[in-house]
Amino acid sequence: MSFAGVGNAAVGALAVNLATNLLTKEENKPATKKD
């Protein structure tokens, strides 16, 4: 296991979360505890 591999995995997960947040409509997002 290397830091580069861990970094690549973190960047990939961040990219997926960002794309999901940008492409999901507000009414289809899951409710949070604050909501």
PDB file of all heavy atoms in Angstrom:
ATOM      1  N   MET A   1       0.844  -1.174   0.000  1.00  0.00           N
ATOM      2  CA  MET A   1       0.000   0.000   0.000  1.00  0.00           C
ATOM      3  C   MET A   1       0.890   1.238   0.000  1.00  0.00           C
ATOM      4  O   MET A   1       1.820   1.348   0.804  1.00  0.00           O
ATOM      5  CB  MET A   1      -0.911   0.005   1.233  1.00  0.00           C
ATOM      6  CG  MET A   1      -1.991   1.034   1.161  1.00  0.00           C
ATOM      7  SD  MET A   1      -3.355   0.768   2.282  1.00  0.00           S
ATOM      8  CE  MET A   1      -2.632   1.095   3.842  1.00  0.00           C
ATOM      9  N   SER A   2       0.606   2.147  -0.905  1.00  0.00           N
ATOM     10  CA  SER A   2       1.407   3.357  -0.996  1.00  0.00           C
ATOM     11  C   SER A   2       0.526   4.582  -0.796  1.00  0.00           C
ATOM     12  O   SER A   2      -0.695   4.524  -0.906  1.00  0.00           O
ATOM     13  CB  SER A   2       2.088   3.435  -2.363  1.00  0.00           C
ATOM     14  OG  SER A   2       1.125   3.572  -3.376  1.00  0.00           O
ATOM     15  N   PHE A   3       1.182   5.705  -0.519  1.00  0.00           N
ATOM     16  CA  PHE A   3       0.431   6.943  -0.353  1.00  0.00           C
ATOM     17  C   PHE A   3      -0.208   7.372  -1.663  1.00  0.00           C
ATOM     18  O   PHE A   3      -1.286   7.954  -1.674  1.00  0.00           O
ATOM     19  CB  PHE A   3       1.348   8.049   0.182  1.00  0.00           C
ATOM     20  CG  PHE A   3       1.731   7.842   1.624  1.00  0.00           C
ATOM     21  CD1 PHE A   3       3.027   7.551   1.980  1.00  0.00           C
ATOM     22  CD2 PHE A   3       0.771   7.939   2.617  1.00  0.00           C
ATOM     23  CE1 PHE A   3       3.371   7.352   3.298  1.00  0.00           C
ATOM     24  CE2 PHE A   3       1.103   7.746   3.940  1.00  0.00           C
ATOM     25  CZ  PHE A   3       2.411   7.457   4.287  1.00  0.00           C
ATOM     26  N   ALA A   4       0.443   7.069  -2.765  1.00  0.00           N
ATOM     27  CA  ALA A   4      -0.130   7.417  -4.064  1.00  0.00           C
ATOM     28  C   ALA A   4      -1.428   6.645  -4.302  1.00  0.00           C
ATOM     29  O   ALA A   4      -2.406   7.204  -4.798  1.00  0.00           O
ATOM     30  CB  ALA A   4       0.876   7.120  -5.171  1.00  0.00           C
ATOM     31  N   GLY A   5      -1.445   5.374  -3.956  1.00  0.00           N
ATOM     32  CA  GLY A   5      -2.653   4.573  -4.120  1.00  0.00           C
ATOM     33  C   GLY A   5      -3.779   5.052  -3.232  1.00  0.00           C
ATOM     34  O   GLY A   5      -4.937   5.135  -3.655  1.00  0.00           O
ATOM     35  N   VAL A   6      -3.449   5.406  -1.993  1.00  0.00           N
ATOM     36  CA  VAL A   6      -4.454   5.919  -1.071  1.00  0.00           C
ATOM     37  C   VAL A   6      -4.980   7.256  -1.575  1.00  0.00           C
ATOM     38  O   VAL A   6      -6.174   7.533  -1.555  1.00  0.00           O
ATOM     39  CB  VAL A   6      -3.875   6.050   0.358  1.00  0.00           C
ATOM     40  CG1 VAL A   6      -4.838   6.764   1.282  1.00  0.00           C
ATOM     41  CG2 VAL A   6      -3.520   4.682   0.900  1.00  0.00           C
ATOM     42  N   GLY A   7      -4.071   8.088  -2.076  1.00  0.00           N
ATOM     43  CA  GLY A   7      -4.473   9.387  -2.621  1.00  0.00           C
ATOM     44  C   GLY A   7      -5.374   9.226  -3.831  1.00  0.00           C
ATOM     45  O   GLY A   7      -6.363   9.945  -3.977  1.00  0.00           O
ATOM     46  N   ASN A   8      -5.026   8.298  -4.718  1.00  0.00           N
ATOM     47  CA  ASN A   8      -5.863   8.058  -5.897  1.00  0.00           C
ATOM     48  C   ASN A   8      -7.257   7.581  -5.494  1.00  0.00           C
ATOM     49  O   ASN A   8      -8.262   7.994  -6.079  1.00  0.00           O
ATOM     50  CB  ASN A   8      -5.211   7.027  -6.822  1.00  0.00           C
ATOM     51  CG  ASN A   8      -4.008   7.593  -7.540  1.00  0.00           C
ATOM     52  OD1 ASN A   8      -3.862   8.801  -7.659  1.00  0.00           O
ATOM     53  ND2 ASN A   8      -3.145   6.718  -8.007  1.00  0.00           N
ATOM     54  N   ALA A   9      -7.341   6.722  -4.501  1.00  0.00           N
ATOM     55  CA  ALA A   9      -8.640   6.232  -4.038  1.00  0.00           C
ATOM     56  C   ALA A   9      -9.453   7.372  -3.429  1.00  0.00           C
ATOM     57  O   ALA A   9     -10.661   7.486  -3.669  1.00  0.00           O
ATOM     58  CB  ALA A   9      -8.454   5.108  -3.020  1.00  0.00           C
ATOM     59  N   ALA A  10      -8.799   8.250  -2.670  1.00  0.00           N
ATOM     60  CA  ALA A  10      -9.510   9.372  -2.056  1.00  0.00           C
ATOM     61  C   ALA A  10     -10.011  10.343  -3.117  1.00  0.00           C
ATOM     62  O   ALA A  10     -11.146  10.827  -3.045  1.00  0.00           O
ATOM     63  CB  ALA A  10      -8.594  10.092  -1.063  1.00  0.00           C
ATOM     64  N   VAL A  11      -9.171  10.628  -4.112  1.00  0.00           N
ATOM     65  CA  VAL A  11      -9.581  11.538  -5.184  1.00  0.00           C
ATOM     66  C   VAL A  11     -10.735  10.936  -5.982  1.00  0.00           C
ATOM     67  O   VAL A  11     -11.686  11.631  -6.347  1.00  0.00           O
ATOM     68  CB  VAL A  11      -8.382  11.876  -6.104  1.00  0.00           C
ATOM     69  CG1 VAL A  11      -8.827  12.578  -7.364  1.00  0.00           C
ATOM     70  CG2 VAL A  11      -7.373  12.722  -5.355  1.00  0.00           C
ATOM     71  N   GLY A  12     -10.689   9.640  -6.231  1.00  0.00           N
ATOM     72  CA  GLY A  12     -11.773   8.974  -6.954  1.00  0.00           C
ATOM     73  C   GLY A  12     -13.085   9.039  -6.184  1.00  0.00           C
ATOM     74  O   GLY A  12     -14.137   9.329  -6.761  1.00  0.00           O
ATOM     75  N   ALA A  13     -13.035   8.785  -4.895  1.00  0.00           N
ATOM     76  CA  ALA A  13     -14.248   8.849  -4.070  1.00  0.00           C
ATOM     77  C   ALA A  13     -14.794  10.273  -4.023  1.00  0.00           C
ATOM     78  O   ALA A  13     -16.010  10.492  -4.096  1.00  0.00           O
ATOM     79  CB  ALA A  13     -13.949   8.351  -2.660  1.00  0.00           C
ATOM     80  N   LEU A  14     -13.905  11.259  -3.930  1.00  0.00           N
ATOM     81  CA  LEU A  14     -14.319  12.656  -3.919  1.00  0.00           C
ATOM     82  C   LEU A  14     -14.984  13.036  -5.239  1.00  0.00           C
ATOM     83  O   LEU A  14     -16.008  13.723  -5.256  1.00  0.00           O
ATOM     84  CB  LEU A  14     -13.113  13.557  -3.645  1.00  0.00           C
ATOM     85  CG  LEU A  14     -13.382  15.049  -3.550  1.00  0.00           C
ATOM     86  CD1 LEU A  14     -14.263  15.351  -2.347  1.00  0.00           C
ATOM     87  CD2 LEU A  14     -12.085  15.826  -3.464  1.00  0.00           C
ATOM     88  N   ALA A  15     -14.413  12.568  -6.353  1.00  0.00           N
ATOM     89  CA  ALA A  15     -14.985  12.872  -7.670  1.00  0.00           C
ATOM     90  C   ALA A  15     -16.378  12.264  -7.819  1.00  0.00           C
ATOM     91  O   ALA A  15     -17.294  12.897  -8.349  1.00  0.00           O
ATOM     92  CB  ALA A  15     -14.059  12.360  -8.773  1.00  0.00           C
ATOM     93  N   VAL A  16     -16.564  11.050  -7.331  1.00  0.00           N
ATOM     94  CA  VAL A  16     -17.874  10.407  -7.419  1.00  0.00           C
ATOM     95  C   VAL A  16     -18.889  11.160  -6.562  1.00  0.00           C
ATOM     96  O   VAL A  16     -20.020  11.410  -6.995  1.00  0.00           O
ATOM     97  CB  VAL A  16     -17.779   8.923  -6.995  1.00  0.00           C
ATOM     98  CG1 VAL A  16     -19.145   8.325  -6.785  1.00  0.00           C
ATOM     99  CG2 VAL A  16     -17.006   8.138  -8.026  1.00  0.00           C
ATOM    100  N   ASN A  17     -18.522  11.542  -5.347  1.00  0.00           N
ATOM    101  CA  ASN A  17     -19.438  12.286  -4.473  1.00  0.00           C
ATOM    102  C   ASN A  17     -19.786  13.645  -5.069  1.00  0.00           C
ATOM    103  O   ASN A  17     -20.942  14.080  -5.006  1.00  0.00           O
ATOM    104  CB  ASN A  17     -18.832  12.466  -3.079  1.00  0.00           C
ATOM    105  CG  ASN A  17     -18.820  11.177  -2.298  1.00  0.00           C
ATOM    106  OD1 ASN A  17     -19.587  10.267  -2.583  1.00  0.00           O
ATOM    107  ND2 ASN A  17     -17.940  11.090  -1.321  1.00  0.00           N
ATOM    108  N   LEU A  18     -18.809  14.320  -5.656  1.00  0.00           N
ATOM    109  CA  LEU A  18     -19.059  15.619  -6.268  1.00  0.00           C
ATOM    110  C   LEU A  18     -20.003  15.486  -7.457  1.00  0.00           C
ATOM    111  O   LEU A  18     -20.951  16.257  -7.589  1.00  0.00           O
ATOM    112  CB  LEU A  18     -17.731  16.243  -6.706  1.00  0.00           C
ATOM    113  CG  LEU A  18     -17.816  17.632  -7.320  1.00  0.00           C
ATOM    114  CD1 LEU A  18     -18.299  18.624  -6.286  1.00  0.00           C
ATOM    115  CD2 LEU A  18     -16.470  18.052  -7.865  1.00  0.00           C
ATOM    116  N   ALA A  19     -19.763  14.492  -8.310  1.00  0.00           N
ATOM    117  CA  ALA A  19     -20.636  14.279  -9.462  1.00  0.00           C
ATOM    118  C   ALA A  19     -22.051  13.921  -9.020  1.00  0.00           C
ATOM    119  O   ALA A  19     -23.034  14.391  -9.604  1.00  0.00           O
ATOM    120  CB  ALA A  19     -20.064  13.185 -10.361  1.00  0.00           C
ATOM    121  N   THR A  20     -22.173  13.115  -7.988  1.00  0.00           N
ATOM    122  CA  THR A  20     -23.491  12.738  -7.474  1.00  0.00           C
ATOM    123  C   THR A  20     -24.235  13.963  -6.941  1.00  0.00           C
ATOM    124  O   THR A  20     -25.414  14.147  -7.212  1.00  0.00           O
ATOM    125  CB  THR A  20     -23.350  11.688  -6.358  1.00  0.00           C
ATOM    126  OG1 THR A  20     -22.653  10.572  -6.876  1.00  0.00           O
ATOM    127  CG2 THR A  20     -24.704  11.235  -5.848  1.00  0.00           C
ATOM    128  N   ASN A  21     -23.533  14.816  -6.209  1.00  0.00           N
ATOM    129  CA  ASN A  21     -24.178  16.012  -5.661  1.00  0.00           C
ATOM    130  C   ASN A  21     -24.578  16.992  -6.755  1.00  0.00           C
ATOM    131  O   ASN A  21     -25.619  17.639  -6.659  1.00  0.00           O
ATOM    132  CB  ASN A  21     -23.258  16.712  -4.656  1.00  0.00           C
ATOM    133  CG  ASN A  21     -23.195  15.973  -3.339  1.00  0.00           C
ATOM    134  OD1 ASN A  21     -24.109  15.258  -2.985  1.00  0.00           O
ATOM    135  ND2 ASN A  21     -22.091  16.123  -2.629  1.00  0.00           N
ATOM    136  N   LEU A  22     -23.770  17.114  -7.793  1.00  0.00           N
ATOM    137  CA  LEU A  22     -24.082  18.052  -8.864  1.00  0.00           C
ATOM    138  C   LEU A  22     -25.222  17.561  -9.747  1.00  0.00           C
ATOM    139  O   LEU A  22     -26.025  18.357 -10.230  1.00  0.00           O
ATOM    140  CB  LEU A  22     -22.843  18.303  -9.729  1.00  0.00           C
ATOM    141  CG  LEU A  22     -21.713  19.100  -9.068  1.00  0.00           C
ATOM    142  CD1 LEU A  22     -20.519  19.179  -9.992  1.00  0.00           C
ATOM    143  CD2 LEU A  22     -22.183  20.493  -8.681  1.00  0.00           C
ATOM    144  N   LEU A  23     -25.314  16.265  -9.957  1.00  0.00           N
ATOM    145  CA  LEU A  23     -26.284  15.721 -10.894  1.00  0.00           C
ATOM    146  C   LEU A  23     -27.602  15.295 -10.256  1.00  0.00           C
ATOM    147  O   LEU A  23     -28.553  15.001 -10.967  1.00  0.00           O
ATOM    148  CB  LEU A  23     -25.673  14.534 -11.645  1.00  0.00           C
ATOM    149  CG  LEU A  23     -24.438  14.875 -12.497  1.00  0.00           C
ATOM    150  CD1 LEU A  23     -23.855  13.612 -13.091  1.00  0.00           C
ATOM    151  CD2 LEU A  23     -24.772  15.878 -13.575  1.00  0.00           C
ATOM    152  N   THR A  24     -27.665  15.267  -8.932  1.00  0.00           N
ATOM    153  CA  THR A  24     -28.892  14.862  -8.248  1.00  0.00           C
ATOM    154  C   THR A  24     -29.726  16.094  -7.929  1.00  0.00           C
ATOM    155  O   THR A  24     -29.220  17.068  -7.390  1.00  0.00           O
ATOM    156  CB  THR A  24     -28.557  14.110  -6.944  1.00  0.00           C
ATOM    157  OG1 THR A  24     -27.723  13.010  -7.250  1.00  0.00           O
ATOM    158  CG2 THR A  24     -29.812  13.604  -6.262  1.00  0.00           C
ATOM    159  N   LYS A  25     -31.008  16.054  -8.269  1.00  0.00           N
ATOM    160  CA  LYS A  25     -31.905  17.170  -7.958  1.00  0.00           C
ATOM    161  C   LYS A  25     -32.067  17.290  -6.451  1.00  0.00           C
ATOM    162  O   LYS A  25     -31.946  16.310  -5.713  1.00  0.00           O
ATOM    163  CB  LYS A  25     -33.267  16.940  -8.608  1.00  0.00           C
ATOM    164  CG  LYS A  25     -33.238  16.978 -10.106  1.00  0.00           C
ATOM    165  CD  LYS A  25     -34.631  16.756 -10.655  1.00  0.00           C
ATOM    166  CE  LYS A  25     -34.618  16.742 -12.161  1.00  0.00           C
ATOM    167  NZ  LYS A  25     -35.947  16.469 -12.719  1.00  0.00           N
ATOM    168  N   GLU A  26     -32.369  18.506  -6.017  1.00  0.00           N
ATOM    169  CA  GLU A  26     -32.473  18.771  -4.573  1.00  0.00           C
ATOM    170  C   GLU A  26     -33.574  17.935  -3.918  1.00  0.00           C
ATOM    171  O   GLU A  26     -33.416  17.443  -2.810  1.00  0.00           O
ATOM    172  CB  GLU A  26     -32.734  20.268  -4.347  1.00  0.00           C
ATOM    173  CG  GLU A  26     -32.570  20.698  -2.911  1.00  0.00           C
ATOM    174  CD  GLU A  26     -31.151  20.571  -2.395  1.00  0.00           C
ATOM    175  OE1 GLU A  26     -30.200  20.774  -3.162  1.00  0.00           O
ATOM    176  OE2 GLU A  26     -31.009  20.261  -1.195  1.00  0.00           O
ATOM    177  N   GLU A  27     -34.702  17.749  -4.623  1.00  0.00           N
ATOM    178  CA  GLU A  27     -35.810  16.989  -4.019  1.00  0.00           C
ATOM    179  C   GLU A  27     -35.539  15.490  -3.975  1.00  0.00           C
ATOM    180  O   GLU A  27     -36.202  14.753  -3.268  1.00  0.00           O
ATOM    181  CB  GLU A  27     -37.129  17.254  -4.754  1.00  0.00           C
ATOM    182  CG  GLU A  27     -37.135  16.840  -6.206  1.00  0.00           C
ATOM    183  CD  GLU A  27     -36.766  17.972  -7.153  1.00  0.00           C
ATOM    184  OE1 GLU A  27     -36.325  19.036  -6.703  1.00  0.00           O
ATOM    185  OE2 GLU A  27     -36.927  17.771  -8.364  1.00  0.00           O
ATOM    186  N   ASN A  28     -34.524  15.016  -4.715  1.00  0.00           N
ATOM    187  CA  ASN A  28     -34.199  13.592  -4.710  1.00  0.00           C
ATOM    188  C   ASN A  28     -33.051  13.246  -3.773  1.00  0.00           C
ATOM    189  O   ASN A  28     -32.698  12.077  -3.639  1.00  0.00           O
ATOM    190  CB  ASN A  28     -33.845  13.124  -6.121  1.00  0.00           C
ATOM    191  CG  ASN A  28     -35.034  13.159  -7.043  1.00  0.00           C
ATOM    192  OD1 ASN A  28     -36.165  13.091  -6.588  1.00  0.00           O
ATOM    193  ND2 ASN A  28     -34.781  13.264  -8.321  1.00  0.00           N
ATOM    194  N   LYS A  29     -32.448  14.243  -3.149  1.00  0.00           N
ATOM    195  CA  LYS A  29     -31.341  13.980  -2.232  1.00  0.00           C
ATOM    196  C   LYS A  29     -31.894  13.419  -0.919  1.00  0.00           C
ATOM    197  O   LYS A  29     -33.015  13.731  -0.521  1.00  0.00           O
ATOM    198  CB  LYS A  29     -30.557  15.265  -1.961  1.00  0.00           C
ATOM    199  CG  LYS A  29     -29.755  15.711  -3.173  1.00  0.00           C
ATOM    200  CD  LYS A  29     -28.916  16.905  -2.843  1.00  0.00           C
ATOM    201  CE  LYS A  29     -28.119  17.322  -4.074  1.00  0.00           C
ATOM    202  NZ  LYS A  29     -27.316  18.503  -3.809  1.00  0.00           N
ATOM    203  N   PRO A  30     -31.137  12.585  -0.218  1.00  0.00           N
ATOM    204  CA  PRO A  30     -31.624  12.018   1.035  1.00  0.00           C
ATOM    205  C   PRO A  30     -31.730  13.087   2.133  1.00  0.00           C
ATOM    206  O   PRO A  30     -30.994  14.065   2.138  1.00  0.00           O
ATOM    207  CB  PRO A  30     -30.576  10.959   1.386  1.00  0.00           C
ATOM    208  CG  PRO A  30     -29.364  11.338   0.635  1.00  0.00           C
ATOM    209  CD  PRO A  30     -29.823  12.061  -0.589  1.00  0.00           C
ATOM    210  N   ALA A  31     -32.641  12.870   3.055  1.00  0.00           N
ATOM    211  CA  ALA A  31     -32.840  13.810   4.158  1.00  0.00           C
ATOM    212  C   ALA A  31     -31.725  13.668   5.174  1.00  0.00           C
ATOM    213  O   ALA A  31     -31.258  12.568   5.462  1.00  0.00           O
ATOM    214  CB  ALA A  31     -34.188  13.549   4.827  1.00  0.00           C
ATOM    215  N   THR A  32     -31.290  14.795   5.711  1.00  0.00           N
ATOM    216  CA  THR A  32     -30.265  14.786   6.745  1.00  0.00           C
ATOM    217  C   THR A  32     -30.921  14.951   8.113  1.00  0.00           C
ATOM    218  O   THR A  32     -32.129  15.201   8.218  1.00  0.00           O
ATOM    219  CB  THR A  32     -29.263  15.934   6.512  1.00  0.00           C
ATOM    220  OG1 THR A  32     -29.975  17.171   6.590  1.00  0.00           O
ATOM    221  CG2 THR A  32     -28.589  15.811   5.159  1.00  0.00           C
ATOM    222  N   LYS A  33     -30.122  14.830   9.158  1.00  0.00           N
ATOM    223  CA  LYS A  33     -30.665  15.011  10.508  1.00  0.00           C
ATOM    224  C   LYS A  33     -31.186  16.439  10.694  1.00  0.00           C
ATOM    225  O   LYS A  33     -32.186  16.663  11.365  1.00  0.00           O
ATOM    226  CB  LYS A  33     -29.588  14.707  11.549  1.00  0.00           C
ATOM    227  CG  LYS A  33     -29.270  13.243  11.663  1.00  0.00           C
ATOM    228  CD  LYS A  33     -28.254  12.995  12.753  1.00  0.00           C
ATOM    229  CE  LYS A  33     -27.953  11.510  12.877  1.00  0.00           C
ATOM    230  NZ  LYS A  33     -26.954  11.248  13.906  1.00  0.00           N
ATOM    231  N   LYS A  34     -30.496  17.403  10.074  1.00  0.00           N
ATOM    232  CA  LYS A  34     -30.935  18.796  10.172  1.00  0.00           C
ATOM    233  C   LYS A  34     -32.297  18.972   9.502  1.00  0.00           C
ATOM    234  O   LYS A  34     -33.171  19.664  10.031  1.00  0.00           O
ATOM    235  CB  LYS A  34     -29.902  19.706   9.525  1.00  0.00           C
ATOM    236  CG  LYS A  34     -30.235  21.175   9.627  1.00  0.00           C
ATOM    237  CD  LYS A  34     -29.168  22.019   8.984  1.00  0.00           C
ATOM    238  CE  LYS A  34     -29.556  23.486   9.028  1.00  0.00           C
ATOM    239  NZ  LYS A  34     -28.581  24.319   8.320  1.00  0.00           N
ATOM    240  N   ASP A  35     -32.483  18.344   8.332  1.00  0.00           N
ATOM    241  CA  ASP A  35     -33.773  18.432   7.647  1.00  0.00           C
ATOM    242  C   ASP A  35     -34.892  17.851   8.498  1.00  0.00           C
ATOM    243  O   ASP A  35     -35.986  18.421   8.597  1.00  0.00           O
ATOM    244  CB  ASP A  35     -33.715  17.699   6.300  1.00  0.00           C
ATOM    245  CG  ASP A  35     -32.749  18.321   5.324  1.00  0.00           C
ATOM    246  OD1 ASP A  35     -32.478  19.535   5.448  1.00  0.00           O
ATOM    247  OD2 ASP A  35     -32.263  17.596   4.433  1.00  0.00           O
TER     248      ASP A  35
END
